[in-house]
Amino acid sequence: MSSFAFVGHLPASKSIMNRLLLAKSYSPSLKISGDSQCEDVQLMIKALADLERPATGGAREIFVGGGGTVLRLLALRAARLGGEFILRGTPRLFERPQEELLKIMRQLGVEGELGKDFLRLSGNGWKLHGDTLLVPFARSSQFATAVLLNAWDLPFDLFVSLGGQKVSEGYWRMSVRIAHDLGMKIDFWDGDFRIPRGQKITAGSYTSETDLSSAFAVAAIAVVSGTASFTDFPTQSLQPDAEFVRIMASMGAPLIMAGTTLRVERADALNAVAVNLKNCPDLFPVLAALCTLAEGDSHLYGASQLAHKESNRMQRMMEMIRTFGRNAEVVDDGLMIRGPALRAPTAIAAAAQKQVTIDCDQDHRLAFAAAVFRAAGFNVDIQHPEVVRKSFPEFWNLLGWKM
């Protein structure tokens, strides 16, 4: 494997872009700076355009692919419009937690039905039944985000109570910050909040940050096989995945921040870590791969929601790590990685003689993790590499790999 070198600016954050695109549907004059060709963002663009098409009789059918964020944000947007809609996606998407949408819809006077590959909903706009909207938070923060970012210009004050132990709070805080920056006034108390009626988007423009989950995947490749310099790196980021910089530094990765450029260099060795990923679970697969190459036992924990992502990421990463010959075990809400590091030259040489096949299981972040092992010198056949289109379609070309 030749040495890797990257210098440049990565595409805009898909998480921020999809939130901004939803906001723009309430205020078409909002100017968004940033570009992403990833599947989730392109699905959101098309789905929002389809929502604006005049109804021609019957339910309007809209395709959301495998995008959890797209489905959840769009469902509450369609409910604001009124009428009948069918949001259709992949069966895998509807195996993930979506029942919370029905609970929210019922409280808003919207009828909903979940099938193996669709969500059907019908109503006459949001008509809150009761004084407070209870929004489940125990399995995903995206349900709360969907309510918040669809609460523009309501004809009534909206009182919201977030139910259950909170997960992925970093993404929720990002949503709140974006809503605030766009002009929304929100009153918080004891974990609940009120959105006063008639909120308007007052911002004329918004610039998206670069995607830091994608940056972490590239940084991980660099730390095992080369260098990467990220220009226009957000030094005060909204994204919880900015935590990867601190984590990599604690692992002993050579990092240099000069102005707004972050440079990552190859590490001769990596240290084991114990990391609570409650607020940044998307870092888990790539971080687990790096920990497999690190000296000592690592513990990644605090993210039970990983079982409900595009795949059961805790289970699948345990299996991937064991395939390479290191001990890994799912424990409670995380993963323990034990035993000798696989970074030793003898381990690399031995592994290079034996090809390991990794099935990405329709999960883009498993593909990024498998790429870390391949960049480290392991002989890895990555099945269905096209899954990276969901968040980072440029990934393989950026690495210079023919996949």
Protein backbone atom coordinates (compact mmCIF):
# COMPACT_ATOMS: atom_id res chain seq x y z
CA MET A 1 0.00 0.00 0.00
CA SER A 2 1.56 3.32 -1.06
CA SER A 3 1.82 6.23 1.39
CA PHE A 4 -1.31 8.35 1.60
CA ALA A 5 -1.26 12.15 1.33
CA PHE A 6 -4.22 14.51 1.30
CA VAL A 7 -4.45 18.30 1.29
CA GLY A 8 -7.77 20.03 0.84
CA HIS A 9 -11.28 20.90 1.94
CA LEU A 10 -13.87 18.17 2.46
CA PRO A 11 -17.57 18.50 1.51
CA ALA A 12 -20.10 20.16 3.80
CA SER A 13 -21.51 18.33 6.81
CA LYS A 14 -24.49 16.24 5.75
CA SER A 15 -26.03 16.69 9.20
CA ILE A 16 -25.87 20.47 9.00
CA MET A 17 -26.88 20.58 5.34
CA ASN A 18 -30.03 18.53 5.88
CA ARG A 19 -31.07 20.73 8.79
CA LEU A 20 -30.50 23.85 6.69
CA LEU A 21 -32.35 22.43 3.68
CA LEU A 22 -35.35 21.75 5.91
CA ALA A 23 -35.19 25.33 7.23
CA LYS A 24 -35.02 26.67 3.68
CA SER A 25 -38.33 24.95 2.92
CA TYR A 26 -39.88 27.39 5.43
CA SER A 27 -37.90 30.39 4.17
CA PRO A 28 -36.94 30.00 0.48
CA SER A 29 -34.84 33.17 0.59
CA LEU A 30 -32.37 31.56 2.99
CA LYS A 31 -29.02 31.23 1.21
CA ILE A 32 -27.04 28.09 2.08
CA SER A 33 -23.29 28.05 1.49
CA GLY A 34 -21.84 24.57 1.26
CA ASP A 35 -22.09 21.59 -1.02
CA SER A 36 -22.48 17.87 -0.53
CA GLN A 37 -23.09 15.24 -3.17
CA CYS A 38 -23.71 12.52 -0.59
CA GLU A 39 -26.81 10.40 -0.98
CA ASP A 40 -28.53 11.64 2.18
CA VAL A 41 -28.30 15.29 1.16
CA GLN A 42 -29.36 14.62 -2.43
CA LEU A 43 -32.33 12.59 -1.14
CA MET A 44 -33.35 15.50 1.08
CA ILE A 45 -33.14 17.97 -1.80
CA LYS A 46 -35.33 15.83 -4.03
CA ALA A 47 -37.77 14.89 -1.27
CA LEU A 48 -38.37 18.51 -0.30
CA ALA A 49 -38.92 19.39 -3.95
CA ASP A 50 -41.41 16.53 -4.25
CA LEU A 51 -43.29 17.85 -1.21
CA GLU A 52 -43.90 21.09 -3.07
CA ARG A 53 -45.49 19.36 -6.06
CA PRO A 54 -49.24 19.95 -6.22
CA ALA A 55 -51.34 16.99 -5.15
CA THR A 56 -53.03 15.30 -8.11
CA GLY A 57 -55.35 13.04 -6.15
CA GLY A 58 -54.46 10.30 -3.70
CA ALA A 59 -51.37 10.14 -1.52
CA ARG A 60 -48.16 11.84 -2.59
CA GLU A 61 -45.38 9.26 -2.57
CA ILE A 62 -41.86 10.41 -1.71
CA PHE A 63 -38.68 8.33 -1.70
CA VAL A 64 -36.32 8.69 1.29
CA GLY A 65 -33.91 5.82 0.54
CA GLY A 66 -32.02 4.66 3.60
CA GLY A 67 -31.76 8.06 5.27
CA GLY A 68 -32.92 8.05 8.88
CA THR A 69 -32.48 11.80 9.19
CA VAL A 70 -34.27 12.35 5.89
CA LEU A 71 -37.26 10.24 6.94
CA ARG A 72 -37.63 11.77 10.39
CA LEU A 73 -37.21 15.40 9.36
CA LEU A 74 -39.42 14.96 6.31
CA ALA A 75 -42.22 13.16 8.17
CA LEU A 76 -42.82 16.12 10.48
CA ARG A 77 -42.48 18.52 7.52
CA ALA A 78 -45.15 16.66 5.55
CA ALA A 79 -47.39 16.63 8.62
CA ARG A 80 -47.21 20.44 8.72
CA LEU A 81 -48.52 20.64 5.16
CA GLY A 82 -51.53 18.41 5.61
CA GLY A 83 -52.82 15.84 3.17
CA GLU A 84 -51.82 12.23 2.65
CA PHE A 85 -48.24 11.13 2.09
CA ILE A 86 -46.35 7.87 1.70
CA LEU A 87 -42.67 8.14 2.60
CA ARG A 88 -41.03 5.08 1.10
CA GLY A 89 -37.52 3.81 1.80
CA THR A 90 -35.36 0.72 2.17
CA PRO A 91 -36.52 -2.17 4.38
CA ARG A 92 -33.38 -1.69 6.49
CA LEU A 93 -34.42 1.89 7.25
CA PHE A 94 -37.75 0.71 8.63
CA GLU A 95 -36.07 -1.93 10.77
CA ARG A 96 -34.55 0.96 12.70
CA PRO A 97 -36.51 2.78 15.45
CA GLN A 98 -39.35 4.70 13.78
CA GLU A 99 -42.29 3.99 16.10
CA GLU A 100 -41.53 7.26 17.88
CA LEU A 101 -42.79 9.08 14.79
CA LEU A 102 -46.22 7.52 15.26
CA LYS A 103 -46.31 8.58 18.92
CA ILE A 104 -45.48 12.16 17.96
CA MET A 105 -47.95 12.18 15.06
CA ARG A 106 -50.84 10.99 17.21
CA GLN A 107 -50.31 13.87 19.63
CA LEU A 108 -50.38 16.28 16.67
CA GLY A 109 -53.62 14.90 15.27
CA VAL A 110 -51.90 13.17 12.36
CA GLU A 111 -52.67 9.56 11.48
CA GLY A 112 -49.69 7.33 10.74
CA GLU A 113 -48.94 3.77 9.67
CA LEU A 114 -45.57 2.03 9.49
CA GLY A 115 -44.95 -0.78 7.00
CA LYS A 116 -41.87 -2.79 6.12
CA ASP A 117 -40.69 -0.11 3.69
CA PHE A 118 -42.97 2.90 4.18
CA LEU A 119 -44.54 5.44 6.49
CA ARG A 120 -48.05 6.57 5.56
CA LEU A 121 -49.41 9.70 7.17
CA SER A 122 -52.47 11.88 6.74
CA GLY A 123 -53.83 14.93 8.52
CA ASN A 124 -54.64 18.60 8.35
CA GLY A 125 -51.46 20.11 9.74
CA TRP A 126 -50.26 20.06 13.33
CA LYS A 127 -53.20 20.14 15.79
CA LEU A 128 -51.73 19.57 19.23
CA HIS A 129 -53.88 17.35 21.44
CA GLY A 130 -53.13 18.32 25.04
CA ASP A 131 -50.91 20.94 26.60
CA THR A 132 -47.48 19.39 25.98
CA LEU A 133 -45.94 17.35 23.18
CA LEU A 134 -44.04 14.38 24.58
CA VAL A 135 -41.10 13.50 22.32
CA PRO A 136 -39.22 10.22 22.95
CA PHE A 137 -35.45 10.65 23.15
CA ALA A 138 -34.20 7.27 24.39
CA ARG A 139 -33.24 5.77 21.02
CA SER A 140 -32.46 8.80 18.85
CA SER A 141 -32.23 12.58 19.18
CA GLN A 142 -33.52 12.98 15.62
CA PHE A 143 -37.17 12.87 16.69
CA ALA A 144 -36.65 15.94 18.88
CA THR A 145 -34.69 17.61 16.10
CA ALA A 146 -37.51 16.92 13.64
CA VAL A 147 -40.04 18.61 15.94
CA LEU A 148 -37.77 21.57 16.69
CA LEU A 149 -36.80 22.35 13.10
CA ASN A 150 -40.38 22.03 11.87
CA ALA A 151 -41.78 24.43 14.47
CA TRP A 152 -41.41 27.59 12.40
CA ASP A 153 -44.41 29.93 12.21
CA LEU A 154 -46.75 27.81 14.31
CA PRO A 155 -50.11 29.39 15.20
CA PHE A 156 -49.74 28.27 18.83
CA ASP A 157 -47.06 28.06 21.51
CA LEU A 158 -45.49 24.59 21.47
CA PHE A 159 -44.54 23.06 24.81
CA VAL A 160 -42.25 20.03 24.44
CA SER A 161 -41.13 17.47 27.00
CA LEU A 162 -38.27 15.15 26.08
CA GLY A 163 -38.96 11.67 27.42
CA GLY A 164 -36.51 8.91 28.32
CA GLN A 165 -32.77 8.79 28.89
CA LYS A 166 -31.18 11.07 26.32
CA VAL A 167 -28.83 9.75 23.63
CA SER A 168 -26.76 11.60 21.01
CA GLU A 169 -27.19 14.86 22.91
CA GLY A 170 -24.37 16.41 20.90
CA TYR A 171 -26.48 16.27 17.75
CA TRP A 172 -29.46 17.69 19.63
CA ARG A 173 -27.35 20.63 20.85
CA MET A 174 -26.23 21.17 17.26
CA SER A 175 -29.87 21.36 16.14
CA VAL A 176 -30.71 23.84 18.90
CA ARG A 177 -27.74 26.02 17.96
CA ILE A 178 -28.72 26.01 14.27
CA ALA A 179 -32.34 26.91 15.12
CA HIS A 180 -31.11 29.73 17.35
CA ASP A 181 -28.71 31.02 14.69
CA LEU A 182 -31.55 31.04 12.17
CA GLY A 183 -33.65 33.20 14.48
CA MET A 184 -35.74 30.85 16.64
CA LYS A 185 -36.44 31.85 20.24
CA ILE A 186 -36.60 28.85 22.57
CA ASP A 187 -37.34 28.88 26.29
CA PHE A 188 -35.73 25.99 28.24
CA TRP A 189 -36.41 24.75 31.77
CA ASP A 190 -35.70 21.42 33.47
CA GLY A 191 -34.95 19.72 30.16
CA ASP A 192 -38.25 20.77 28.59
CA PHE A 193 -38.76 23.74 26.32
CA ARG A 194 -41.28 26.09 24.74
CA ILE A 195 -41.25 27.45 21.21
CA PRO A 196 -43.37 30.61 21.07
CA ARG A 197 -45.86 30.89 18.24
CA GLY A 198 -45.02 32.64 15.00
CA GLN A 199 -41.26 32.03 14.93
CA LYS A 200 -39.66 33.32 11.72
CA ILE A 201 -36.31 32.59 10.10
CA THR A 202 -34.45 35.89 10.26
CA ALA A 203 -31.03 34.80 9.00
CA GLY A 204 -30.41 35.59 5.36
CA SER A 205 -27.59 33.10 4.89
CA TYR A 206 -25.83 30.23 6.62
CA THR A 207 -22.51 28.55 5.86
CA SER A 208 -22.16 24.84 6.60
CA GLU A 209 -19.02 23.49 8.20
CA THR A 210 -17.02 20.73 6.56
CA ASP A 211 -18.16 17.21 7.50
CA LEU A 212 -16.13 16.11 10.54
CA SER A 213 -17.22 12.47 10.55
CA SER A 214 -15.77 12.27 7.03
CA ALA A 215 -12.68 14.13 8.20
CA PHE A 216 -12.19 11.54 10.95
CA ALA A 217 -12.24 8.70 8.42
CA VAL A 218 -9.56 10.45 6.36
CA ALA A 219 -7.53 11.36 9.47
CA ALA A 220 -7.57 7.70 10.55
CA ILE A 221 -6.20 6.64 7.17
CA ALA A 222 -3.46 9.25 7.52
CA VAL A 223 -2.45 8.21 11.03
CA VAL A 224 -1.80 4.63 9.89
CA SER A 225 -0.36 5.30 6.43
CA GLY A 226 0.53 8.90 5.57
CA THR A 227 -0.54 12.49 6.10
CA ALA A 228 -3.66 14.64 5.76
CA SER A 229 -4.05 18.42 5.91
CA PHE A 230 -7.61 19.72 6.26
CA THR A 231 -8.06 23.32 5.20
CA ASP A 232 -10.91 25.48 6.58
CA PHE A 233 -11.17 23.16 9.57
CA PRO A 234 -13.76 24.52 12.05
CA THR A 235 -11.92 25.41 15.25
CA GLN A 236 -15.20 26.01 17.14
CA SER A 237 -17.42 23.38 15.60
CA LEU A 238 -21.14 22.74 16.03
CA GLN A 239 -20.56 19.07 15.26
CA PRO A 240 -20.10 16.64 18.16
CA ASP A 241 -17.72 14.64 15.95
CA ALA A 242 -15.14 17.41 16.48
CA GLU A 243 -14.26 15.30 19.53
CA PHE A 244 -12.15 13.11 17.23
CA VAL A 245 -9.29 15.63 17.44
CA ARG A 246 -9.00 15.28 21.22
CA ILE A 247 -9.38 11.49 21.03
CA MET A 248 -6.68 11.08 18.39
CA ALA A 249 -4.32 13.33 20.36
CA SER A 250 -4.84 11.14 23.45
CA MET A 251 -3.96 8.11 21.32
CA GLY A 252 -0.63 9.70 20.44
CA ALA A 253 -1.46 10.72 16.87
CA PRO A 254 0.73 13.60 15.63
CA LEU A 255 -1.65 16.54 15.16
CA ILE A 256 -0.74 20.10 14.25
CA MET A 257 -3.29 22.94 14.20
CA ALA A 258 -2.05 25.99 12.30
CA GLY A 259 -4.71 28.65 11.90
CA THR A 260 -7.63 26.87 10.26
CA THR A 261 -5.58 23.95 8.91
CA LEU A 262 -5.40 20.66 10.78
CA ARG A 263 -2.51 18.37 9.83
CA VAL A 264 -2.48 14.70 10.81
CA GLU A 265 0.67 12.59 10.41
CA ARG A 266 1.44 8.90 10.63
CA ALA A 267 1.94 7.57 14.15
CA ASP A 268 4.63 5.01 14.91
CA ALA A 269 2.37 3.63 17.65
CA LEU A 270 -1.06 4.35 19.09
CA ASN A 271 -2.23 4.29 22.70
CA ALA A 272 -5.34 2.52 23.95
CA VAL A 273 -8.19 4.74 25.16
CA ALA A 274 -11.40 4.66 27.16
CA VAL A 275 -13.93 6.94 25.49
CA ASN A 276 -17.55 7.78 26.26
CA LEU A 277 -19.23 8.12 22.86
CA LYS A 278 -22.65 9.12 24.16
CA ASN A 279 -22.59 12.42 22.28
CA CYS A 280 -20.63 11.34 19.19
CA PRO A 281 -21.60 7.73 18.35
CA ASP A 282 -20.78 8.11 14.65
CA LEU A 283 -17.08 8.02 15.53
CA PHE A 284 -17.39 4.48 16.86
CA PRO A 285 -16.57 2.21 13.87
CA VAL A 286 -13.44 4.06 12.73
CA LEU A 287 -12.30 4.60 16.32
CA ALA A 288 -12.77 0.90 17.05
CA ALA A 289 -10.54 0.10 14.08
CA LEU A 290 -7.83 2.47 15.38
CA CYS A 291 -8.09 0.95 18.87
CA THR A 292 -7.53 -2.49 17.35
CA LEU A 293 -4.19 -1.19 16.07
CA ALA A 294 -3.32 0.44 19.42
CA GLU A 295 -1.23 -0.85 22.32
CA GLY A 296 -3.27 -1.91 25.34
CA ASP A 297 -6.93 -2.50 26.10
CA SER A 298 -9.52 0.01 24.89
CA HIS A 299 -13.07 0.55 26.07
CA LEU A 300 -15.59 2.42 23.88
CA TYR A 301 -18.85 2.93 25.72
CA GLY A 302 -21.91 5.09 26.38
CA ALA A 303 -23.62 4.62 23.01
CA SER A 304 -26.34 1.98 23.22
CA GLN A 305 -27.98 3.60 20.15
CA LEU A 306 -25.25 2.01 18.01
CA ALA A 307 -27.40 -1.12 17.92
CA HIS A 308 -30.03 0.84 15.96
CA LYS A 309 -27.93 2.46 13.24
CA GLU A 310 -27.63 1.30 9.62
CA SER A 311 -26.35 -1.93 11.17
CA ASN A 312 -25.82 -3.11 14.74
CA ARG A 313 -22.45 -1.40 14.83
CA MET A 314 -21.27 -2.82 18.14
CA GLN A 315 -21.91 -6.37 17.00
CA ARG A 316 -20.51 -5.86 13.51
CA MET A 317 -17.32 -4.15 14.71
CA MET A 318 -16.76 -6.92 17.24
CA GLU A 319 -17.00 -9.44 14.40
CA MET A 320 -14.71 -7.38 12.15
CA ILE A 321 -12.04 -7.02 14.83
CA ARG A 322 -12.11 -10.73 15.62
CA THR A 323 -11.70 -11.47 11.92
CA PHE A 324 -8.33 -9.72 12.10
CA GLY A 325 -7.31 -11.81 15.10
CA ARG A 326 -7.75 -9.51 18.06
CA ASN A 327 -10.11 -10.08 20.97
CA ALA A 328 -13.20 -7.86 21.15
CA GLU A 329 -16.34 -8.20 23.25
CA VAL A 330 -19.63 -6.31 23.41
CA VAL A 331 -20.20 -5.22 27.00
CA ASP A 332 -23.37 -3.37 28.04
CA ASP A 333 -23.42 -0.19 25.95
CA GLY A 334 -20.02 -0.53 24.31
CA LEU A 335 -17.06 -2.59 23.17
CA MET A 336 -13.94 -3.86 24.92
CA ILE A 337 -10.87 -4.46 22.75
CA ARG A 338 -8.20 -6.55 24.45
CA GLY A 339 -4.96 -8.35 23.74
CA PRO A 340 -1.81 -7.51 21.77
CA ALA A 341 -2.05 -4.74 19.19
CA LEU A 342 -2.18 -5.72 15.53
CA ARG A 343 0.21 -2.92 14.58
CA ALA A 344 3.33 -5.05 15.03
CA PRO A 345 5.19 -5.69 11.74
CA THR A 346 4.91 -9.45 12.21
CA ALA A 347 1.12 -9.21 12.50
CA ILE A 348 0.90 -7.06 9.37
CA ALA A 349 3.17 -9.39 7.40
CA ALA A 350 1.24 -12.47 8.45
CA ALA A 351 -2.12 -10.82 7.72
CA ALA A 352 -0.98 -9.67 4.30
CA GLN A 353 -0.72 -13.30 3.24
CA LYS A 354 -4.35 -13.98 4.05
CA GLN A 355 -7.18 -12.05 2.48
CA VAL A 356 -9.96 -10.97 4.82
CA THR A 357 -13.39 -10.28 3.33
CA ILE A 358 -15.49 -7.61 5.02
CA ASP A 359 -19.20 -7.28 4.25
CA CYS A 360 -20.20 -3.69 4.94
CA ASP A 361 -23.78 -4.78 5.69
CA GLN A 362 -25.28 -1.70 4.00
CA ASP A 363 -23.42 0.53 6.48
CA HIS A 364 -21.14 3.30 5.21
CA ARG A 365 -19.27 3.62 8.49
CA LEU A 366 -18.30 -0.06 8.47
CA ALA A 367 -16.70 0.60 5.07
CA PHE A 368 -14.64 3.44 6.56
CA ALA A 369 -13.51 1.15 9.40
CA ALA A 370 -12.53 -1.61 6.97
CA ALA A 371 -10.55 0.96 4.98
CA VAL A 372 -8.45 1.76 8.07
CA PHE A 373 -7.34 -1.88 8.28
CA ARG A 374 -6.59 -1.94 4.56
CA ALA A 375 -4.54 1.27 4.82
CA ALA A 376 -2.60 -0.26 7.73
CA GLY A 377 -1.41 -3.05 5.43
CA PHE A 378 -3.95 -5.81 5.93
CA ASN A 379 -5.16 -7.70 2.88
CA VAL A 380 -8.82 -6.66 2.94
CA ASP A 381 -11.51 -7.28 0.35
CA ILE A 382 -14.25 -4.73 1.08
CA GLN A 383 -17.62 -5.96 -0.19
CA HIS A 384 -20.12 -3.38 -1.48
CA PRO A 385 -17.80 -0.39 -1.19
CA GLU A 386 -20.47 1.76 -2.87
CA VAL A 387 -22.20 2.16 0.52
CA VAL A 388 -19.98 5.20 1.18
CA ARG A 389 -22.25 7.15 -1.18
CA LYS A 390 -24.57 7.68 1.77
CA SER A 391 -22.24 10.18 3.44
CA PHE A 392 -18.92 10.47 1.54
CA PRO A 393 -19.07 9.40 -2.12
CA GLU A 394 -15.61 10.87 -2.80
CA PHE A 395 -13.92 8.63 -0.23
CA TRP A 396 -12.36 5.95 -2.44
CA ASN A 397 -11.20 8.43 -5.09
CA LEU A 398 -9.68 10.59 -2.38
CA LEU A 399 -7.68 7.57 -1.18
CA GLY A 400 -6.68 6.76 -4.75
CA TRP A 401 -8.15 3.26 -4.50
CA LYS A 402 -9.99 1.50 -7.29
CA MET A 403 -12.99 -0.13 -5.67
